[in-house]
Amino acid sequence: EVTGASVFQLEADLDTGPVYGTVTEPIRPTDTAGDLLDRLSRTGATLLVSVLDAIEAGTARAVPQPADGVSYAPKLTVEDARVRWQEPALAVDRRIRASTPAPGAWTTFRDERMKLGPVRPVGQAEPLPPGELRVERRGVLVGTATTPVLLSEVRPAGRREMAAADWARGVRIAPGERLT
């Protein structure tokens, strides 16, 4: 629900130095990793300037980081970005947003890899088995472990990004077909 950035003193260990300052940023319901990076780059730059000014003025105070609660967050890989339709809709939504723009969320359709744009969980829809596609007037739904999600944009292998509804019309999805 909240993320942030900090300015800290480098030490020999990984991210263990004392902290000079921190900014937090709420994660909005539709934020992607790119959206957060953009906002944090601006607030983080402002924080860095204020910390450097405080260091120069001799008023900076570094606070030691606590040893408890530390966890390592590895860089997302392409395999981390693969959508797992057996997960609940909220987890599918978050995986896709966390992988956008890089490394890029993806799935397969008819054994071809396809990138996905953000989705929207649809709470008032008839359930679908995980990965199963259903084309409706409002768009293309995909089943998850809980409720379906509405696809927004897709990018089939070797093609440009397009609206999911346009893609579905072009590939003529058969009843029971799935994303895997």
N, C-alpha and C. Protein backbone atom coordinates (compact mmCIF):
# COMPACT_ATOMS: atom_id res chain seq x y z
N GLU A 1 0.80 -1.20 0.00
CA GLU A 1 0.00 0.00 0.00
C GLU A 1 0.84 1.26 0.00
N VAL A 2 2.08 1.13 0.50
CA VAL A 2 2.99 2.28 0.56
C VAL A 2 4.38 1.83 0.15
N THR A 3 5.06 2.66 -0.60
CA THR A 3 6.45 2.41 -0.94
C THR A 3 7.23 3.68 -0.65
N GLY A 4 8.50 3.69 -0.94
CA GLY A 4 9.26 4.89 -0.66
C GLY A 4 10.69 4.79 -1.12
N ALA A 5 11.46 5.79 -0.75
CA ALA A 5 12.88 5.87 -1.08
C ALA A 5 13.59 6.49 0.10
N SER A 6 14.87 6.18 0.21
CA SER A 6 15.65 6.75 1.30
C SER A 6 17.04 7.12 0.81
N VAL A 7 17.67 8.03 1.55
CA VAL A 7 19.06 8.40 1.32
C VAL A 7 19.81 7.87 2.53
N PHE A 8 20.80 7.02 2.26
CA PHE A 8 21.55 6.43 3.37
C PHE A 8 23.03 6.42 3.04
N GLN A 9 23.83 6.25 4.09
CA GLN A 9 25.29 6.20 3.95
C GLN A 9 25.67 4.79 3.54
N LEU A 10 26.55 4.67 2.56
CA LEU A 10 26.98 3.35 2.11
C LEU A 10 27.93 2.72 3.11
N GLU A 11 27.76 1.42 3.30
CA GLU A 11 28.64 0.61 4.12
C GLU A 11 28.99 -0.64 3.33
N ALA A 12 29.86 -1.46 3.88
CA ALA A 12 30.32 -2.67 3.17
C ALA A 12 29.18 -3.66 2.92
N ASP A 13 28.23 -3.77 3.85
CA ASP A 13 27.11 -4.69 3.66
C ASP A 13 26.06 -4.07 2.75
N LEU A 14 25.11 -4.89 2.32
CA LEU A 14 24.07 -4.45 1.40
C LEU A 14 23.00 -3.66 2.14
N ASP A 15 22.79 -2.39 1.77
CA ASP A 15 21.74 -1.53 2.32
C ASP A 15 21.69 -1.54 3.85
N THR A 16 22.84 -1.36 4.49
CA THR A 16 22.87 -1.39 5.95
C THR A 16 23.24 -0.06 6.59
N GLY A 17 23.65 0.90 5.80
CA GLY A 17 24.13 2.17 6.35
C GLY A 17 23.04 2.99 7.00
N PRO A 18 23.44 3.94 7.85
CA PRO A 18 22.47 4.79 8.51
C PRO A 18 21.70 5.66 7.51
N VAL A 19 20.43 5.94 7.84
CA VAL A 19 19.52 6.65 6.94
C VAL A 19 19.49 8.13 7.29
N TYR A 20 19.64 8.97 6.27
CA TYR A 20 19.57 10.42 6.44
C TYR A 20 18.17 10.97 6.21
N GLY A 21 17.41 10.30 5.40
CA GLY A 21 16.07 10.79 5.12
C GLY A 21 15.26 9.79 4.31
N THR A 22 13.94 9.89 4.42
CA THR A 22 13.04 8.95 3.74
C THR A 22 11.83 9.71 3.21
N VAL A 23 11.33 9.27 2.06
CA VAL A 23 10.05 9.75 1.54
C VAL A 23 9.18 8.52 1.30
N THR A 24 7.89 8.70 1.48
CA THR A 24 6.96 7.61 1.20
C THR A 24 6.00 8.04 0.10
N GLU A 25 5.45 7.06 -0.57
CA GLU A 25 4.54 7.30 -1.67
C GLU A 25 3.44 6.24 -1.61
N PRO A 26 2.18 6.66 -1.55
CA PRO A 26 1.11 5.67 -1.55
C PRO A 26 1.04 4.97 -2.91
N ILE A 27 0.74 3.68 -2.89
CA ILE A 27 0.55 2.93 -4.14
C ILE A 27 -0.93 3.00 -4.47
N ARG A 28 -1.24 3.67 -5.57
CA ARG A 28 -2.62 3.84 -6.00
C ARG A 28 -3.14 2.54 -6.65
N PRO A 29 -4.44 2.36 -6.66
CA PRO A 29 -5.01 1.10 -7.18
C PRO A 29 -4.62 0.75 -8.61
N THR A 30 -4.29 1.73 -9.43
CA THR A 30 -3.94 1.43 -10.82
C THR A 30 -2.47 1.70 -11.14
N ASP A 31 -1.64 1.99 -10.15
CA ASP A 31 -0.23 2.28 -10.38
C ASP A 31 0.50 1.06 -10.94
N THR A 32 1.39 1.34 -11.90
CA THR A 32 2.33 0.33 -12.37
C THR A 32 3.68 0.64 -11.74
N ALA A 33 4.62 -0.27 -11.90
CA ALA A 33 5.97 -0.01 -11.39
C ALA A 33 6.54 1.24 -12.05
N GLY A 34 6.22 1.45 -13.32
CA GLY A 34 6.69 2.64 -14.02
C GLY A 34 6.12 3.93 -13.45
N ASP A 35 4.83 3.90 -13.08
CA ASP A 35 4.21 5.07 -12.47
C ASP A 35 4.90 5.43 -11.16
N LEU A 36 5.15 4.41 -10.33
CA LEU A 36 5.80 4.65 -9.04
C LEU A 36 7.24 5.15 -9.22
N LEU A 37 7.95 4.55 -10.16
CA LEU A 37 9.32 4.97 -10.41
C LEU A 37 9.36 6.43 -10.84
N ASP A 38 8.42 6.83 -11.66
CA ASP A 38 8.36 8.21 -12.11
C ASP A 38 8.14 9.17 -10.93
N ARG A 39 7.15 8.84 -10.08
CA ARG A 39 6.88 9.71 -8.93
C ARG A 39 8.04 9.70 -7.93
N LEU A 40 8.60 8.52 -7.66
CA LEU A 40 9.70 8.43 -6.70
C LEU A 40 10.97 9.11 -7.22
N SER A 41 11.15 9.14 -8.53
CA SER A 41 12.34 9.82 -9.06
C SER A 41 12.28 11.32 -8.75
N ARG A 42 11.08 11.87 -8.78
CA ARG A 42 10.94 13.31 -8.47
C ARG A 42 11.05 13.57 -6.96
N THR A 43 10.29 12.82 -6.15
CA THR A 43 10.35 13.06 -4.70
C THR A 43 11.70 12.65 -4.13
N GLY A 44 12.29 11.59 -4.71
CA GLY A 44 13.61 11.16 -4.26
C GLY A 44 14.70 12.18 -4.57
N ALA A 45 14.59 12.82 -5.73
CA ALA A 45 15.57 13.85 -6.09
C ALA A 45 15.47 15.03 -5.13
N THR A 46 14.26 15.41 -4.79
CA THR A 46 14.06 16.50 -3.83
C THR A 46 14.65 16.13 -2.47
N LEU A 47 14.42 14.89 -2.04
CA LEU A 47 14.98 14.41 -0.78
C LEU A 47 16.50 14.45 -0.82
N LEU A 48 17.09 13.98 -1.90
CA LEU A 48 18.54 13.95 -2.01
C LEU A 48 19.14 15.36 -1.88
N VAL A 49 18.54 16.32 -2.55
CA VAL A 49 19.03 17.70 -2.47
C VAL A 49 18.95 18.22 -1.03
N SER A 50 17.83 17.94 -0.35
CA SER A 50 17.69 18.43 1.03
C SER A 50 18.69 17.74 1.96
N VAL A 51 18.96 16.46 1.75
CA VAL A 51 19.95 15.76 2.59
C VAL A 51 21.35 16.32 2.32
N LEU A 52 21.70 16.53 1.07
CA LEU A 52 23.01 17.09 0.76
C LEU A 52 23.17 18.49 1.35
N ASP A 53 22.11 19.30 1.28
CA ASP A 53 22.15 20.63 1.90
C ASP A 53 22.37 20.51 3.41
N ALA A 54 21.70 19.55 4.05
CA ALA A 54 21.84 19.37 5.50
C ALA A 54 23.24 18.87 5.86
N ILE A 55 23.80 18.00 5.03
CA ILE A 55 25.17 17.52 5.29
C ILE A 55 26.14 18.69 5.18
N GLU A 56 25.97 19.50 4.13
CA GLU A 56 26.85 20.66 3.94
C GLU A 56 26.72 21.65 5.10
N ALA A 57 25.50 21.82 5.63
CA ALA A 57 25.27 22.75 6.74
C ALA A 57 25.66 22.15 8.09
N GLY A 58 25.96 20.86 8.11
CA GLY A 58 26.33 20.21 9.37
C GLY A 58 25.14 19.87 10.24
N THR A 59 23.94 19.89 9.69
CA THR A 59 22.73 19.61 10.48
C THR A 59 22.13 18.23 10.20
N ALA A 60 22.74 17.47 9.31
CA ALA A 60 22.20 16.14 8.96
C ALA A 60 22.40 15.18 10.11
N ARG A 61 21.40 14.37 10.35
CA ARG A 61 21.47 13.34 11.40
C ARG A 61 21.12 11.99 10.76
N ALA A 62 22.05 11.08 10.82
CA ALA A 62 21.83 9.74 10.27
C ALA A 62 21.31 8.82 11.37
N VAL A 63 20.27 8.06 11.06
CA VAL A 63 19.65 7.14 12.01
C VAL A 63 20.00 5.71 11.59
N PRO A 64 20.57 4.90 12.50
CA PRO A 64 20.92 3.52 12.13
C PRO A 64 19.68 2.73 11.69
N GLN A 65 19.88 1.88 10.70
CA GLN A 65 18.78 1.02 10.25
C GLN A 65 18.62 -0.13 11.25
N PRO A 66 17.38 -0.51 11.56
CA PRO A 66 17.19 -1.65 12.45
C PRO A 66 17.57 -2.94 11.73
N ALA A 67 18.10 -3.89 12.48
CA ALA A 67 18.48 -5.18 11.90
C ALA A 67 17.26 -6.07 11.66
N ASP A 68 16.20 -5.86 12.44
CA ASP A 68 14.99 -6.68 12.30
C ASP A 68 14.16 -6.21 11.11
N GLY A 69 13.50 -7.16 10.47
CA GLY A 69 12.57 -6.85 9.40
C GLY A 69 13.22 -6.57 8.05
N VAL A 70 14.51 -6.83 7.94
CA VAL A 70 15.20 -6.58 6.68
C VAL A 70 14.94 -7.75 5.74
N SER A 71 14.62 -7.43 4.50
CA SER A 71 14.44 -8.49 3.50
C SER A 71 15.08 -8.06 2.20
N TYR A 72 15.52 -9.02 1.42
CA TYR A 72 16.16 -8.76 0.14
C TYR A 72 15.10 -8.79 -0.95
N ALA A 73 15.05 -7.78 -1.79
CA ALA A 73 14.10 -7.72 -2.89
C ALA A 73 14.87 -7.84 -4.21
N PRO A 74 14.95 -9.05 -4.76
CA PRO A 74 15.71 -9.21 -6.00
C PRO A 74 15.02 -8.54 -7.18
N LYS A 75 15.77 -8.26 -8.21
CA LYS A 75 15.23 -7.68 -9.44
C LYS A 75 14.26 -8.69 -10.06
N LEU A 76 13.14 -8.17 -10.58
CA LEU A 76 12.17 -9.05 -11.23
C LEU A 76 12.77 -9.62 -12.50
N THR A 77 12.54 -10.91 -12.72
CA THR A 77 13.01 -11.57 -13.93
C THR A 77 11.84 -11.73 -14.90
N VAL A 78 12.14 -12.15 -16.11
CA VAL A 78 11.10 -12.40 -17.10
C VAL A 78 10.16 -13.50 -16.60
N GLU A 79 10.70 -14.50 -15.94
CA GLU A 79 9.84 -15.58 -15.42
C GLU A 79 8.93 -15.07 -14.30
N ASP A 80 9.40 -14.13 -13.48
CA ASP A 80 8.55 -13.53 -12.45
C ASP A 80 7.36 -12.81 -13.07
N ALA A 81 7.54 -12.31 -14.30
CA ALA A 81 6.50 -11.54 -14.97
C ALA A 81 5.45 -12.41 -15.67
N ARG A 82 5.66 -13.72 -15.68
CA ARG A 82 4.67 -14.61 -16.30
C ARG A 82 3.42 -14.65 -15.42
N VAL A 83 2.28 -14.39 -16.03
CA VAL A 83 1.02 -14.36 -15.29
C VAL A 83 0.60 -15.78 -14.95
N ARG A 84 0.20 -15.97 -13.71
CA ARG A 84 -0.27 -17.28 -13.22
C ARG A 84 -1.77 -17.15 -12.98
N TRP A 85 -2.54 -17.63 -13.93
CA TRP A 85 -4.00 -17.46 -13.88
C TRP A 85 -4.64 -18.23 -12.75
N GLN A 86 -3.92 -19.17 -12.12
CA GLN A 86 -4.44 -19.92 -10.98
C GLN A 86 -4.40 -19.09 -9.69
N GLU A 87 -3.80 -17.91 -9.75
CA GLU A 87 -3.77 -17.02 -8.59
C GLU A 87 -5.08 -16.23 -8.52
N PRO A 88 -5.39 -15.65 -7.35
CA PRO A 88 -6.58 -14.79 -7.25
C PRO A 88 -6.44 -13.55 -8.14
N ALA A 89 -7.56 -12.96 -8.50
CA ALA A 89 -7.58 -11.79 -9.39
C ALA A 89 -6.69 -10.66 -8.87
N LEU A 90 -6.72 -10.41 -7.57
CA LEU A 90 -5.90 -9.34 -7.00
C LEU A 90 -4.41 -9.62 -7.23
N ALA A 91 -3.98 -10.87 -7.07
CA ALA A 91 -2.57 -11.22 -7.28
C ALA A 91 -2.20 -11.10 -8.76
N VAL A 92 -3.10 -11.48 -9.65
CA VAL A 92 -2.85 -11.34 -11.09
C VAL A 92 -2.69 -9.86 -11.43
N ASP A 93 -3.60 -9.04 -10.94
CA ASP A 93 -3.55 -7.60 -11.18
C ASP A 93 -2.22 -7.03 -10.67
N ARG A 94 -1.83 -7.38 -9.48
CA ARG A 94 -0.59 -6.83 -8.90
C ARG A 94 0.64 -7.32 -9.63
N ARG A 95 0.66 -8.58 -10.05
CA ARG A 95 1.82 -9.11 -10.78
C ARG A 95 2.00 -8.33 -12.09
N ILE A 96 0.89 -8.09 -12.79
CA ILE A 96 0.97 -7.38 -14.06
C ILE A 96 1.43 -5.94 -13.84
N ARG A 97 0.86 -5.26 -12.84
CA ARG A 97 1.26 -3.87 -12.58
C ARG A 97 2.71 -3.79 -12.12
N ALA A 98 3.17 -4.77 -11.33
CA ALA A 98 4.55 -4.78 -10.85
C ALA A 98 5.54 -5.02 -11.98
N SER A 99 5.10 -5.68 -13.03
CA SER A 99 5.97 -6.01 -14.16
C SER A 99 5.89 -5.01 -15.30
N THR A 100 5.12 -3.95 -15.12
CA THR A 100 4.92 -2.96 -16.19
C THR A 100 5.66 -1.67 -15.85
N PRO A 101 6.56 -1.18 -16.66
CA PRO A 101 6.80 -1.59 -18.04
C PRO A 101 7.83 -2.70 -18.21
N ALA A 102 8.68 -2.92 -17.22
CA ALA A 102 9.72 -3.93 -17.39
C ALA A 102 9.72 -4.87 -16.18
N PRO A 103 9.91 -6.14 -16.41
CA PRO A 103 10.26 -6.79 -17.68
C PRO A 103 9.08 -7.00 -18.63
N GLY A 104 7.88 -6.69 -18.21
CA GLY A 104 6.70 -6.82 -19.07
C GLY A 104 5.94 -8.11 -18.77
N ALA A 105 4.71 -7.97 -18.28
CA ALA A 105 3.88 -9.14 -17.96
C ALA A 105 3.55 -9.90 -19.24
N TRP A 106 3.50 -11.24 -19.12
CA TRP A 106 3.23 -12.03 -20.31
C TRP A 106 2.50 -13.33 -19.97
N THR A 107 1.93 -13.91 -21.00
CA THR A 107 1.24 -15.19 -20.92
C THR A 107 1.39 -15.85 -22.28
N THR A 108 0.78 -17.00 -22.47
CA THR A 108 0.80 -17.61 -23.81
C THR A 108 -0.63 -17.88 -24.26
N PHE A 109 -0.81 -17.79 -25.58
CA PHE A 109 -2.08 -18.10 -26.22
C PHE A 109 -1.74 -18.89 -27.48
N ARG A 110 -2.32 -20.08 -27.57
CA ARG A 110 -2.04 -20.98 -28.70
C ARG A 110 -0.54 -21.17 -28.88
N ASP A 111 0.13 -21.40 -27.74
CA ASP A 111 1.58 -21.66 -27.68
C ASP A 111 2.45 -20.49 -28.14
N GLU A 112 1.89 -19.32 -28.26
CA GLU A 112 2.65 -18.12 -28.61
C GLU A 112 2.66 -17.17 -27.43
N ARG A 113 3.80 -16.57 -27.17
CA ARG A 113 3.92 -15.63 -26.08
C ARG A 113 3.22 -14.31 -26.42
N MET A 114 2.58 -13.73 -25.41
CA MET A 114 1.84 -12.48 -25.60
C MET A 114 2.03 -11.61 -24.36
N LYS A 115 2.42 -10.35 -24.58
CA LYS A 115 2.55 -9.40 -23.46
C LYS A 115 1.18 -8.84 -23.13
N LEU A 116 1.03 -8.45 -21.87
CA LEU A 116 -0.25 -7.95 -21.38
C LEU A 116 -0.10 -6.56 -20.79
N GLY A 117 -1.10 -5.73 -21.04
CA GLY A 117 -1.19 -4.44 -20.38
C GLY A 117 -1.96 -4.65 -19.08
N PRO A 118 -2.16 -3.59 -18.31
CA PRO A 118 -2.90 -3.71 -17.06
C PRO A 118 -4.28 -4.34 -17.25
N VAL A 119 -4.75 -5.01 -16.22
CA VAL A 119 -6.07 -5.63 -16.21
C VAL A 119 -6.90 -4.97 -15.12
N ARG A 120 -8.19 -5.27 -15.14
CA ARG A 120 -9.07 -4.76 -14.08
C ARG A 120 -9.90 -5.91 -13.54
N PRO A 121 -9.76 -6.23 -12.25
CA PRO A 121 -10.61 -7.27 -11.67
C PRO A 121 -12.08 -6.90 -11.81
N VAL A 122 -12.91 -7.87 -12.15
CA VAL A 122 -14.33 -7.66 -12.36
C VAL A 122 -15.08 -8.50 -11.33
N GLY A 123 -15.54 -7.85 -10.28
CA GLY A 123 -16.19 -8.56 -9.19
C GLY A 123 -17.58 -9.08 -9.51
N GLN A 124 -18.29 -8.44 -10.40
CA GLN A 124 -19.67 -8.82 -10.68
C GLN A 124 -19.79 -9.61 -11.97
N ALA A 125 -18.87 -10.50 -12.25
CA ALA A 125 -18.92 -11.30 -13.47
C ALA A 125 -19.08 -12.77 -13.12
N GLU A 126 -19.65 -13.51 -14.03
CA GLU A 126 -19.78 -14.95 -13.86
C GLU A 126 -18.38 -15.55 -13.81
N PRO A 127 -18.12 -16.43 -12.85
CA PRO A 127 -16.77 -17.01 -12.74
C PRO A 127 -16.35 -17.76 -14.00
N LEU A 128 -15.05 -17.80 -14.21
CA LEU A 128 -14.45 -18.55 -15.32
C LEU A 128 -13.32 -19.39 -14.76
N PRO A 129 -13.07 -20.57 -15.32
CA PRO A 129 -11.90 -21.33 -14.89
C PRO A 129 -10.62 -20.53 -15.15
N PRO A 130 -9.57 -20.73 -14.36
CA PRO A 130 -8.33 -19.97 -14.54
C PRO A 130 -7.81 -20.03 -15.97
N GLY A 131 -7.57 -18.84 -16.53
CA GLY A 131 -7.02 -18.71 -17.87
C GLY A 131 -8.04 -18.74 -18.99
N GLU A 132 -9.27 -19.20 -18.71
CA GLU A 132 -10.26 -19.29 -19.78
C GLU A 132 -10.70 -17.90 -20.22
N LEU A 133 -10.87 -17.76 -21.54
CA LEU A 133 -11.25 -16.49 -22.14
C LEU A 133 -12.73 -16.45 -22.45
N ARG A 134 -13.31 -15.26 -22.28
CA ARG A 134 -14.70 -15.05 -22.69
C ARG A 134 -14.80 -13.63 -23.23
N VAL A 135 -15.29 -13.53 -24.46
CA VAL A 135 -15.47 -12.23 -25.10
C VAL A 135 -16.89 -11.79 -24.84
N GLU A 136 -17.01 -10.59 -24.26
CA GLU A 136 -18.31 -10.00 -23.97
C GLU A 136 -18.35 -8.60 -24.58
N ARG A 137 -19.49 -8.00 -24.50
CA ARG A 137 -19.65 -6.64 -25.03
C ARG A 137 -18.66 -5.68 -24.36
N ARG A 138 -18.44 -5.85 -23.04
CA ARG A 138 -17.56 -4.91 -22.32
C ARG A 138 -16.08 -5.19 -22.57
N GLY A 139 -15.75 -6.34 -23.18
CA GLY A 139 -14.36 -6.64 -23.47
C GLY A 139 -14.04 -8.11 -23.31
N VAL A 140 -12.76 -8.38 -23.11
CA VAL A 140 -12.26 -9.75 -23.01
C VAL A 140 -11.98 -10.06 -21.54
N LEU A 141 -12.66 -11.07 -21.02
CA LEU A 141 -12.48 -11.51 -19.65
C LEU A 141 -11.58 -12.74 -19.62
N VAL A 142 -10.80 -12.85 -18.54
CA VAL A 142 -9.95 -14.02 -18.32
C VAL A 142 -10.21 -14.51 -16.91
N GLY A 143 -10.40 -15.83 -16.77
CA GLY A 143 -10.64 -16.41 -15.45
C GLY A 143 -9.39 -16.45 -14.60
N THR A 144 -9.60 -16.32 -13.28
CA THR A 144 -8.53 -16.46 -12.29
C THR A 144 -9.05 -17.41 -11.21
N ALA A 145 -8.32 -17.56 -10.13
CA ALA A 145 -8.76 -18.42 -9.04
C ALA A 145 -9.98 -17.86 -8.33
N THR A 146 -10.24 -16.56 -8.49
CA THR A 146 -11.39 -15.94 -7.82
C THR A 146 -12.36 -15.39 -8.86
N THR A 147 -12.24 -14.12 -9.18
CA THR A 147 -13.14 -13.51 -10.16
C THR A 147 -12.36 -13.22 -11.44
N PRO A 148 -13.05 -13.08 -12.57
CA PRO A 148 -12.33 -12.76 -13.82
C PRO A 148 -11.70 -11.38 -13.78
N VAL A 149 -10.76 -11.18 -14.70
CA VAL A 149 -10.17 -9.87 -14.92
C VAL A 149 -10.46 -9.46 -16.36
N LEU A 150 -10.56 -8.15 -16.57
CA LEU A 150 -10.82 -7.59 -17.89
C LEU A 150 -9.48 -7.17 -18.50
N LEU A 151 -9.15 -7.74 -19.66
CA LEU A 151 -7.91 -7.36 -20.34
C LEU A 151 -8.06 -5.98 -20.96
N SER A 152 -7.00 -5.19 -20.92
CA SER A 152 -7.05 -3.87 -21.56
C SER A 152 -6.32 -3.91 -22.89
N GLU A 153 -5.03 -4.21 -22.84
CA GLU A 153 -4.21 -4.23 -24.04
C GLU A 153 -3.38 -5.50 -24.07
N VAL A 154 -3.09 -5.97 -25.28
CA VAL A 154 -2.23 -7.13 -25.47
C VAL A 154 -1.22 -6.82 -26.57
N ARG A 155 -0.15 -7.58 -26.56
CA ARG A 155 0.85 -7.46 -27.62
C ARG A 155 1.30 -8.86 -28.01
N PRO A 156 0.63 -9.44 -29.03
CA PRO A 156 1.03 -10.77 -29.49
C PRO A 156 2.46 -10.74 -30.04
N ALA A 157 3.11 -11.90 -30.04
CA ALA A 157 4.48 -11.99 -30.55
C ALA A 157 4.56 -11.45 -31.97
N GLY A 158 5.52 -10.56 -32.20
CA GLY A 158 5.75 -10.00 -33.53
C GLY A 158 4.72 -8.97 -33.98
N ARG A 159 3.86 -8.54 -33.09
CA ARG A 159 2.82 -7.58 -33.46
C ARG A 159 2.93 -6.34 -32.59
N ARG A 160 2.18 -5.33 -32.94
CA ARG A 160 2.15 -4.10 -32.15
C ARG A 160 1.14 -4.28 -31.00
N GLU A 161 1.21 -3.36 -30.04
CA GLU A 161 0.24 -3.36 -28.94
C GLU A 161 -1.13 -2.99 -29.50
N MET A 162 -2.17 -3.65 -28.97
CA MET A 162 -3.52 -3.37 -29.44
C MET A 162 -4.52 -3.59 -28.32
N ALA A 163 -5.71 -3.03 -28.50
CA ALA A 163 -6.79 -3.25 -27.54
C ALA A 163 -7.14 -4.73 -27.53
N ALA A 164 -7.39 -5.27 -26.36
CA ALA A 164 -7.71 -6.69 -26.23
C ALA A 164 -8.94 -7.06 -27.05
N ALA A 165 -9.93 -6.19 -27.12
CA ALA A 165 -11.15 -6.48 -27.89
C ALA A 165 -10.81 -6.62 -29.37
N ASP A 166 -9.92 -5.78 -29.89
CA ASP A 166 -9.51 -5.89 -31.30
C ASP A 166 -8.77 -7.19 -31.55
N TRP A 167 -7.88 -7.54 -30.64
CA TRP A 167 -7.14 -8.80 -30.75
C TRP A 167 -8.10 -9.98 -30.77
N ALA A 168 -9.08 -9.98 -29.87
CA ALA A 168 -10.03 -11.09 -29.76
C ALA A 168 -10.84 -11.25 -31.05
N ARG A 169 -11.23 -10.13 -31.65
CA ARG A 169 -11.97 -10.21 -32.92
C ARG A 169 -11.10 -10.83 -34.01
N GLY A 170 -9.82 -10.49 -34.01
CA GLY A 170 -8.92 -11.00 -35.04
C GLY A 170 -8.58 -12.46 -34.92
N VAL A 171 -8.41 -12.95 -33.69
CA VAL A 171 -8.02 -14.36 -33.51
C VAL A 171 -9.21 -15.31 -33.40
N ARG A 172 -10.41 -14.76 -33.25
CA ARG A 172 -11.63 -15.56 -33.16
C ARG A 172 -11.49 -16.67 -32.10
N ILE A 173 -11.60 -16.23 -30.88
CA ILE A 173 -11.46 -17.12 -29.72
C ILE A 173 -12.59 -18.14 -29.71
N ALA A 174 -12.21 -19.40 -29.62
CA ALA A 174 -13.20 -20.49 -29.56
C ALA A 174 -13.63 -20.69 -28.12
N PRO A 175 -14.85 -21.17 -27.89
CA PRO A 175 -15.30 -21.45 -26.52
C PRO A 175 -14.32 -22.38 -25.81
N GLY A 176 -13.99 -22.02 -24.57
CA GLY A 176 -13.09 -22.84 -23.77
C GLY A 176 -11.61 -22.59 -23.98
N GLU A 177 -11.23 -21.72 -24.91
CA GLU A 177 -9.80 -21.44 -25.11
C GLU A 177 -9.24 -20.70 -23.91
N ARG A 178 -7.96 -20.90 -23.67
CA ARG A 178 -7.33 -20.36 -22.45
C ARG A 178 -6.00 -19.67 -22.75
N LEU A 179 -5.68 -18.78 -21.83
CA LEU A 179 -4.32 -18.24 -21.73
C LEU A 179 -3.59 -19.13 -20.75
N THR A 180 -2.34 -19.42 -21.02
CA THR A 180 -1.56 -20.28 -20.10
C THR A 180 -0.30 -19.58 -19.66
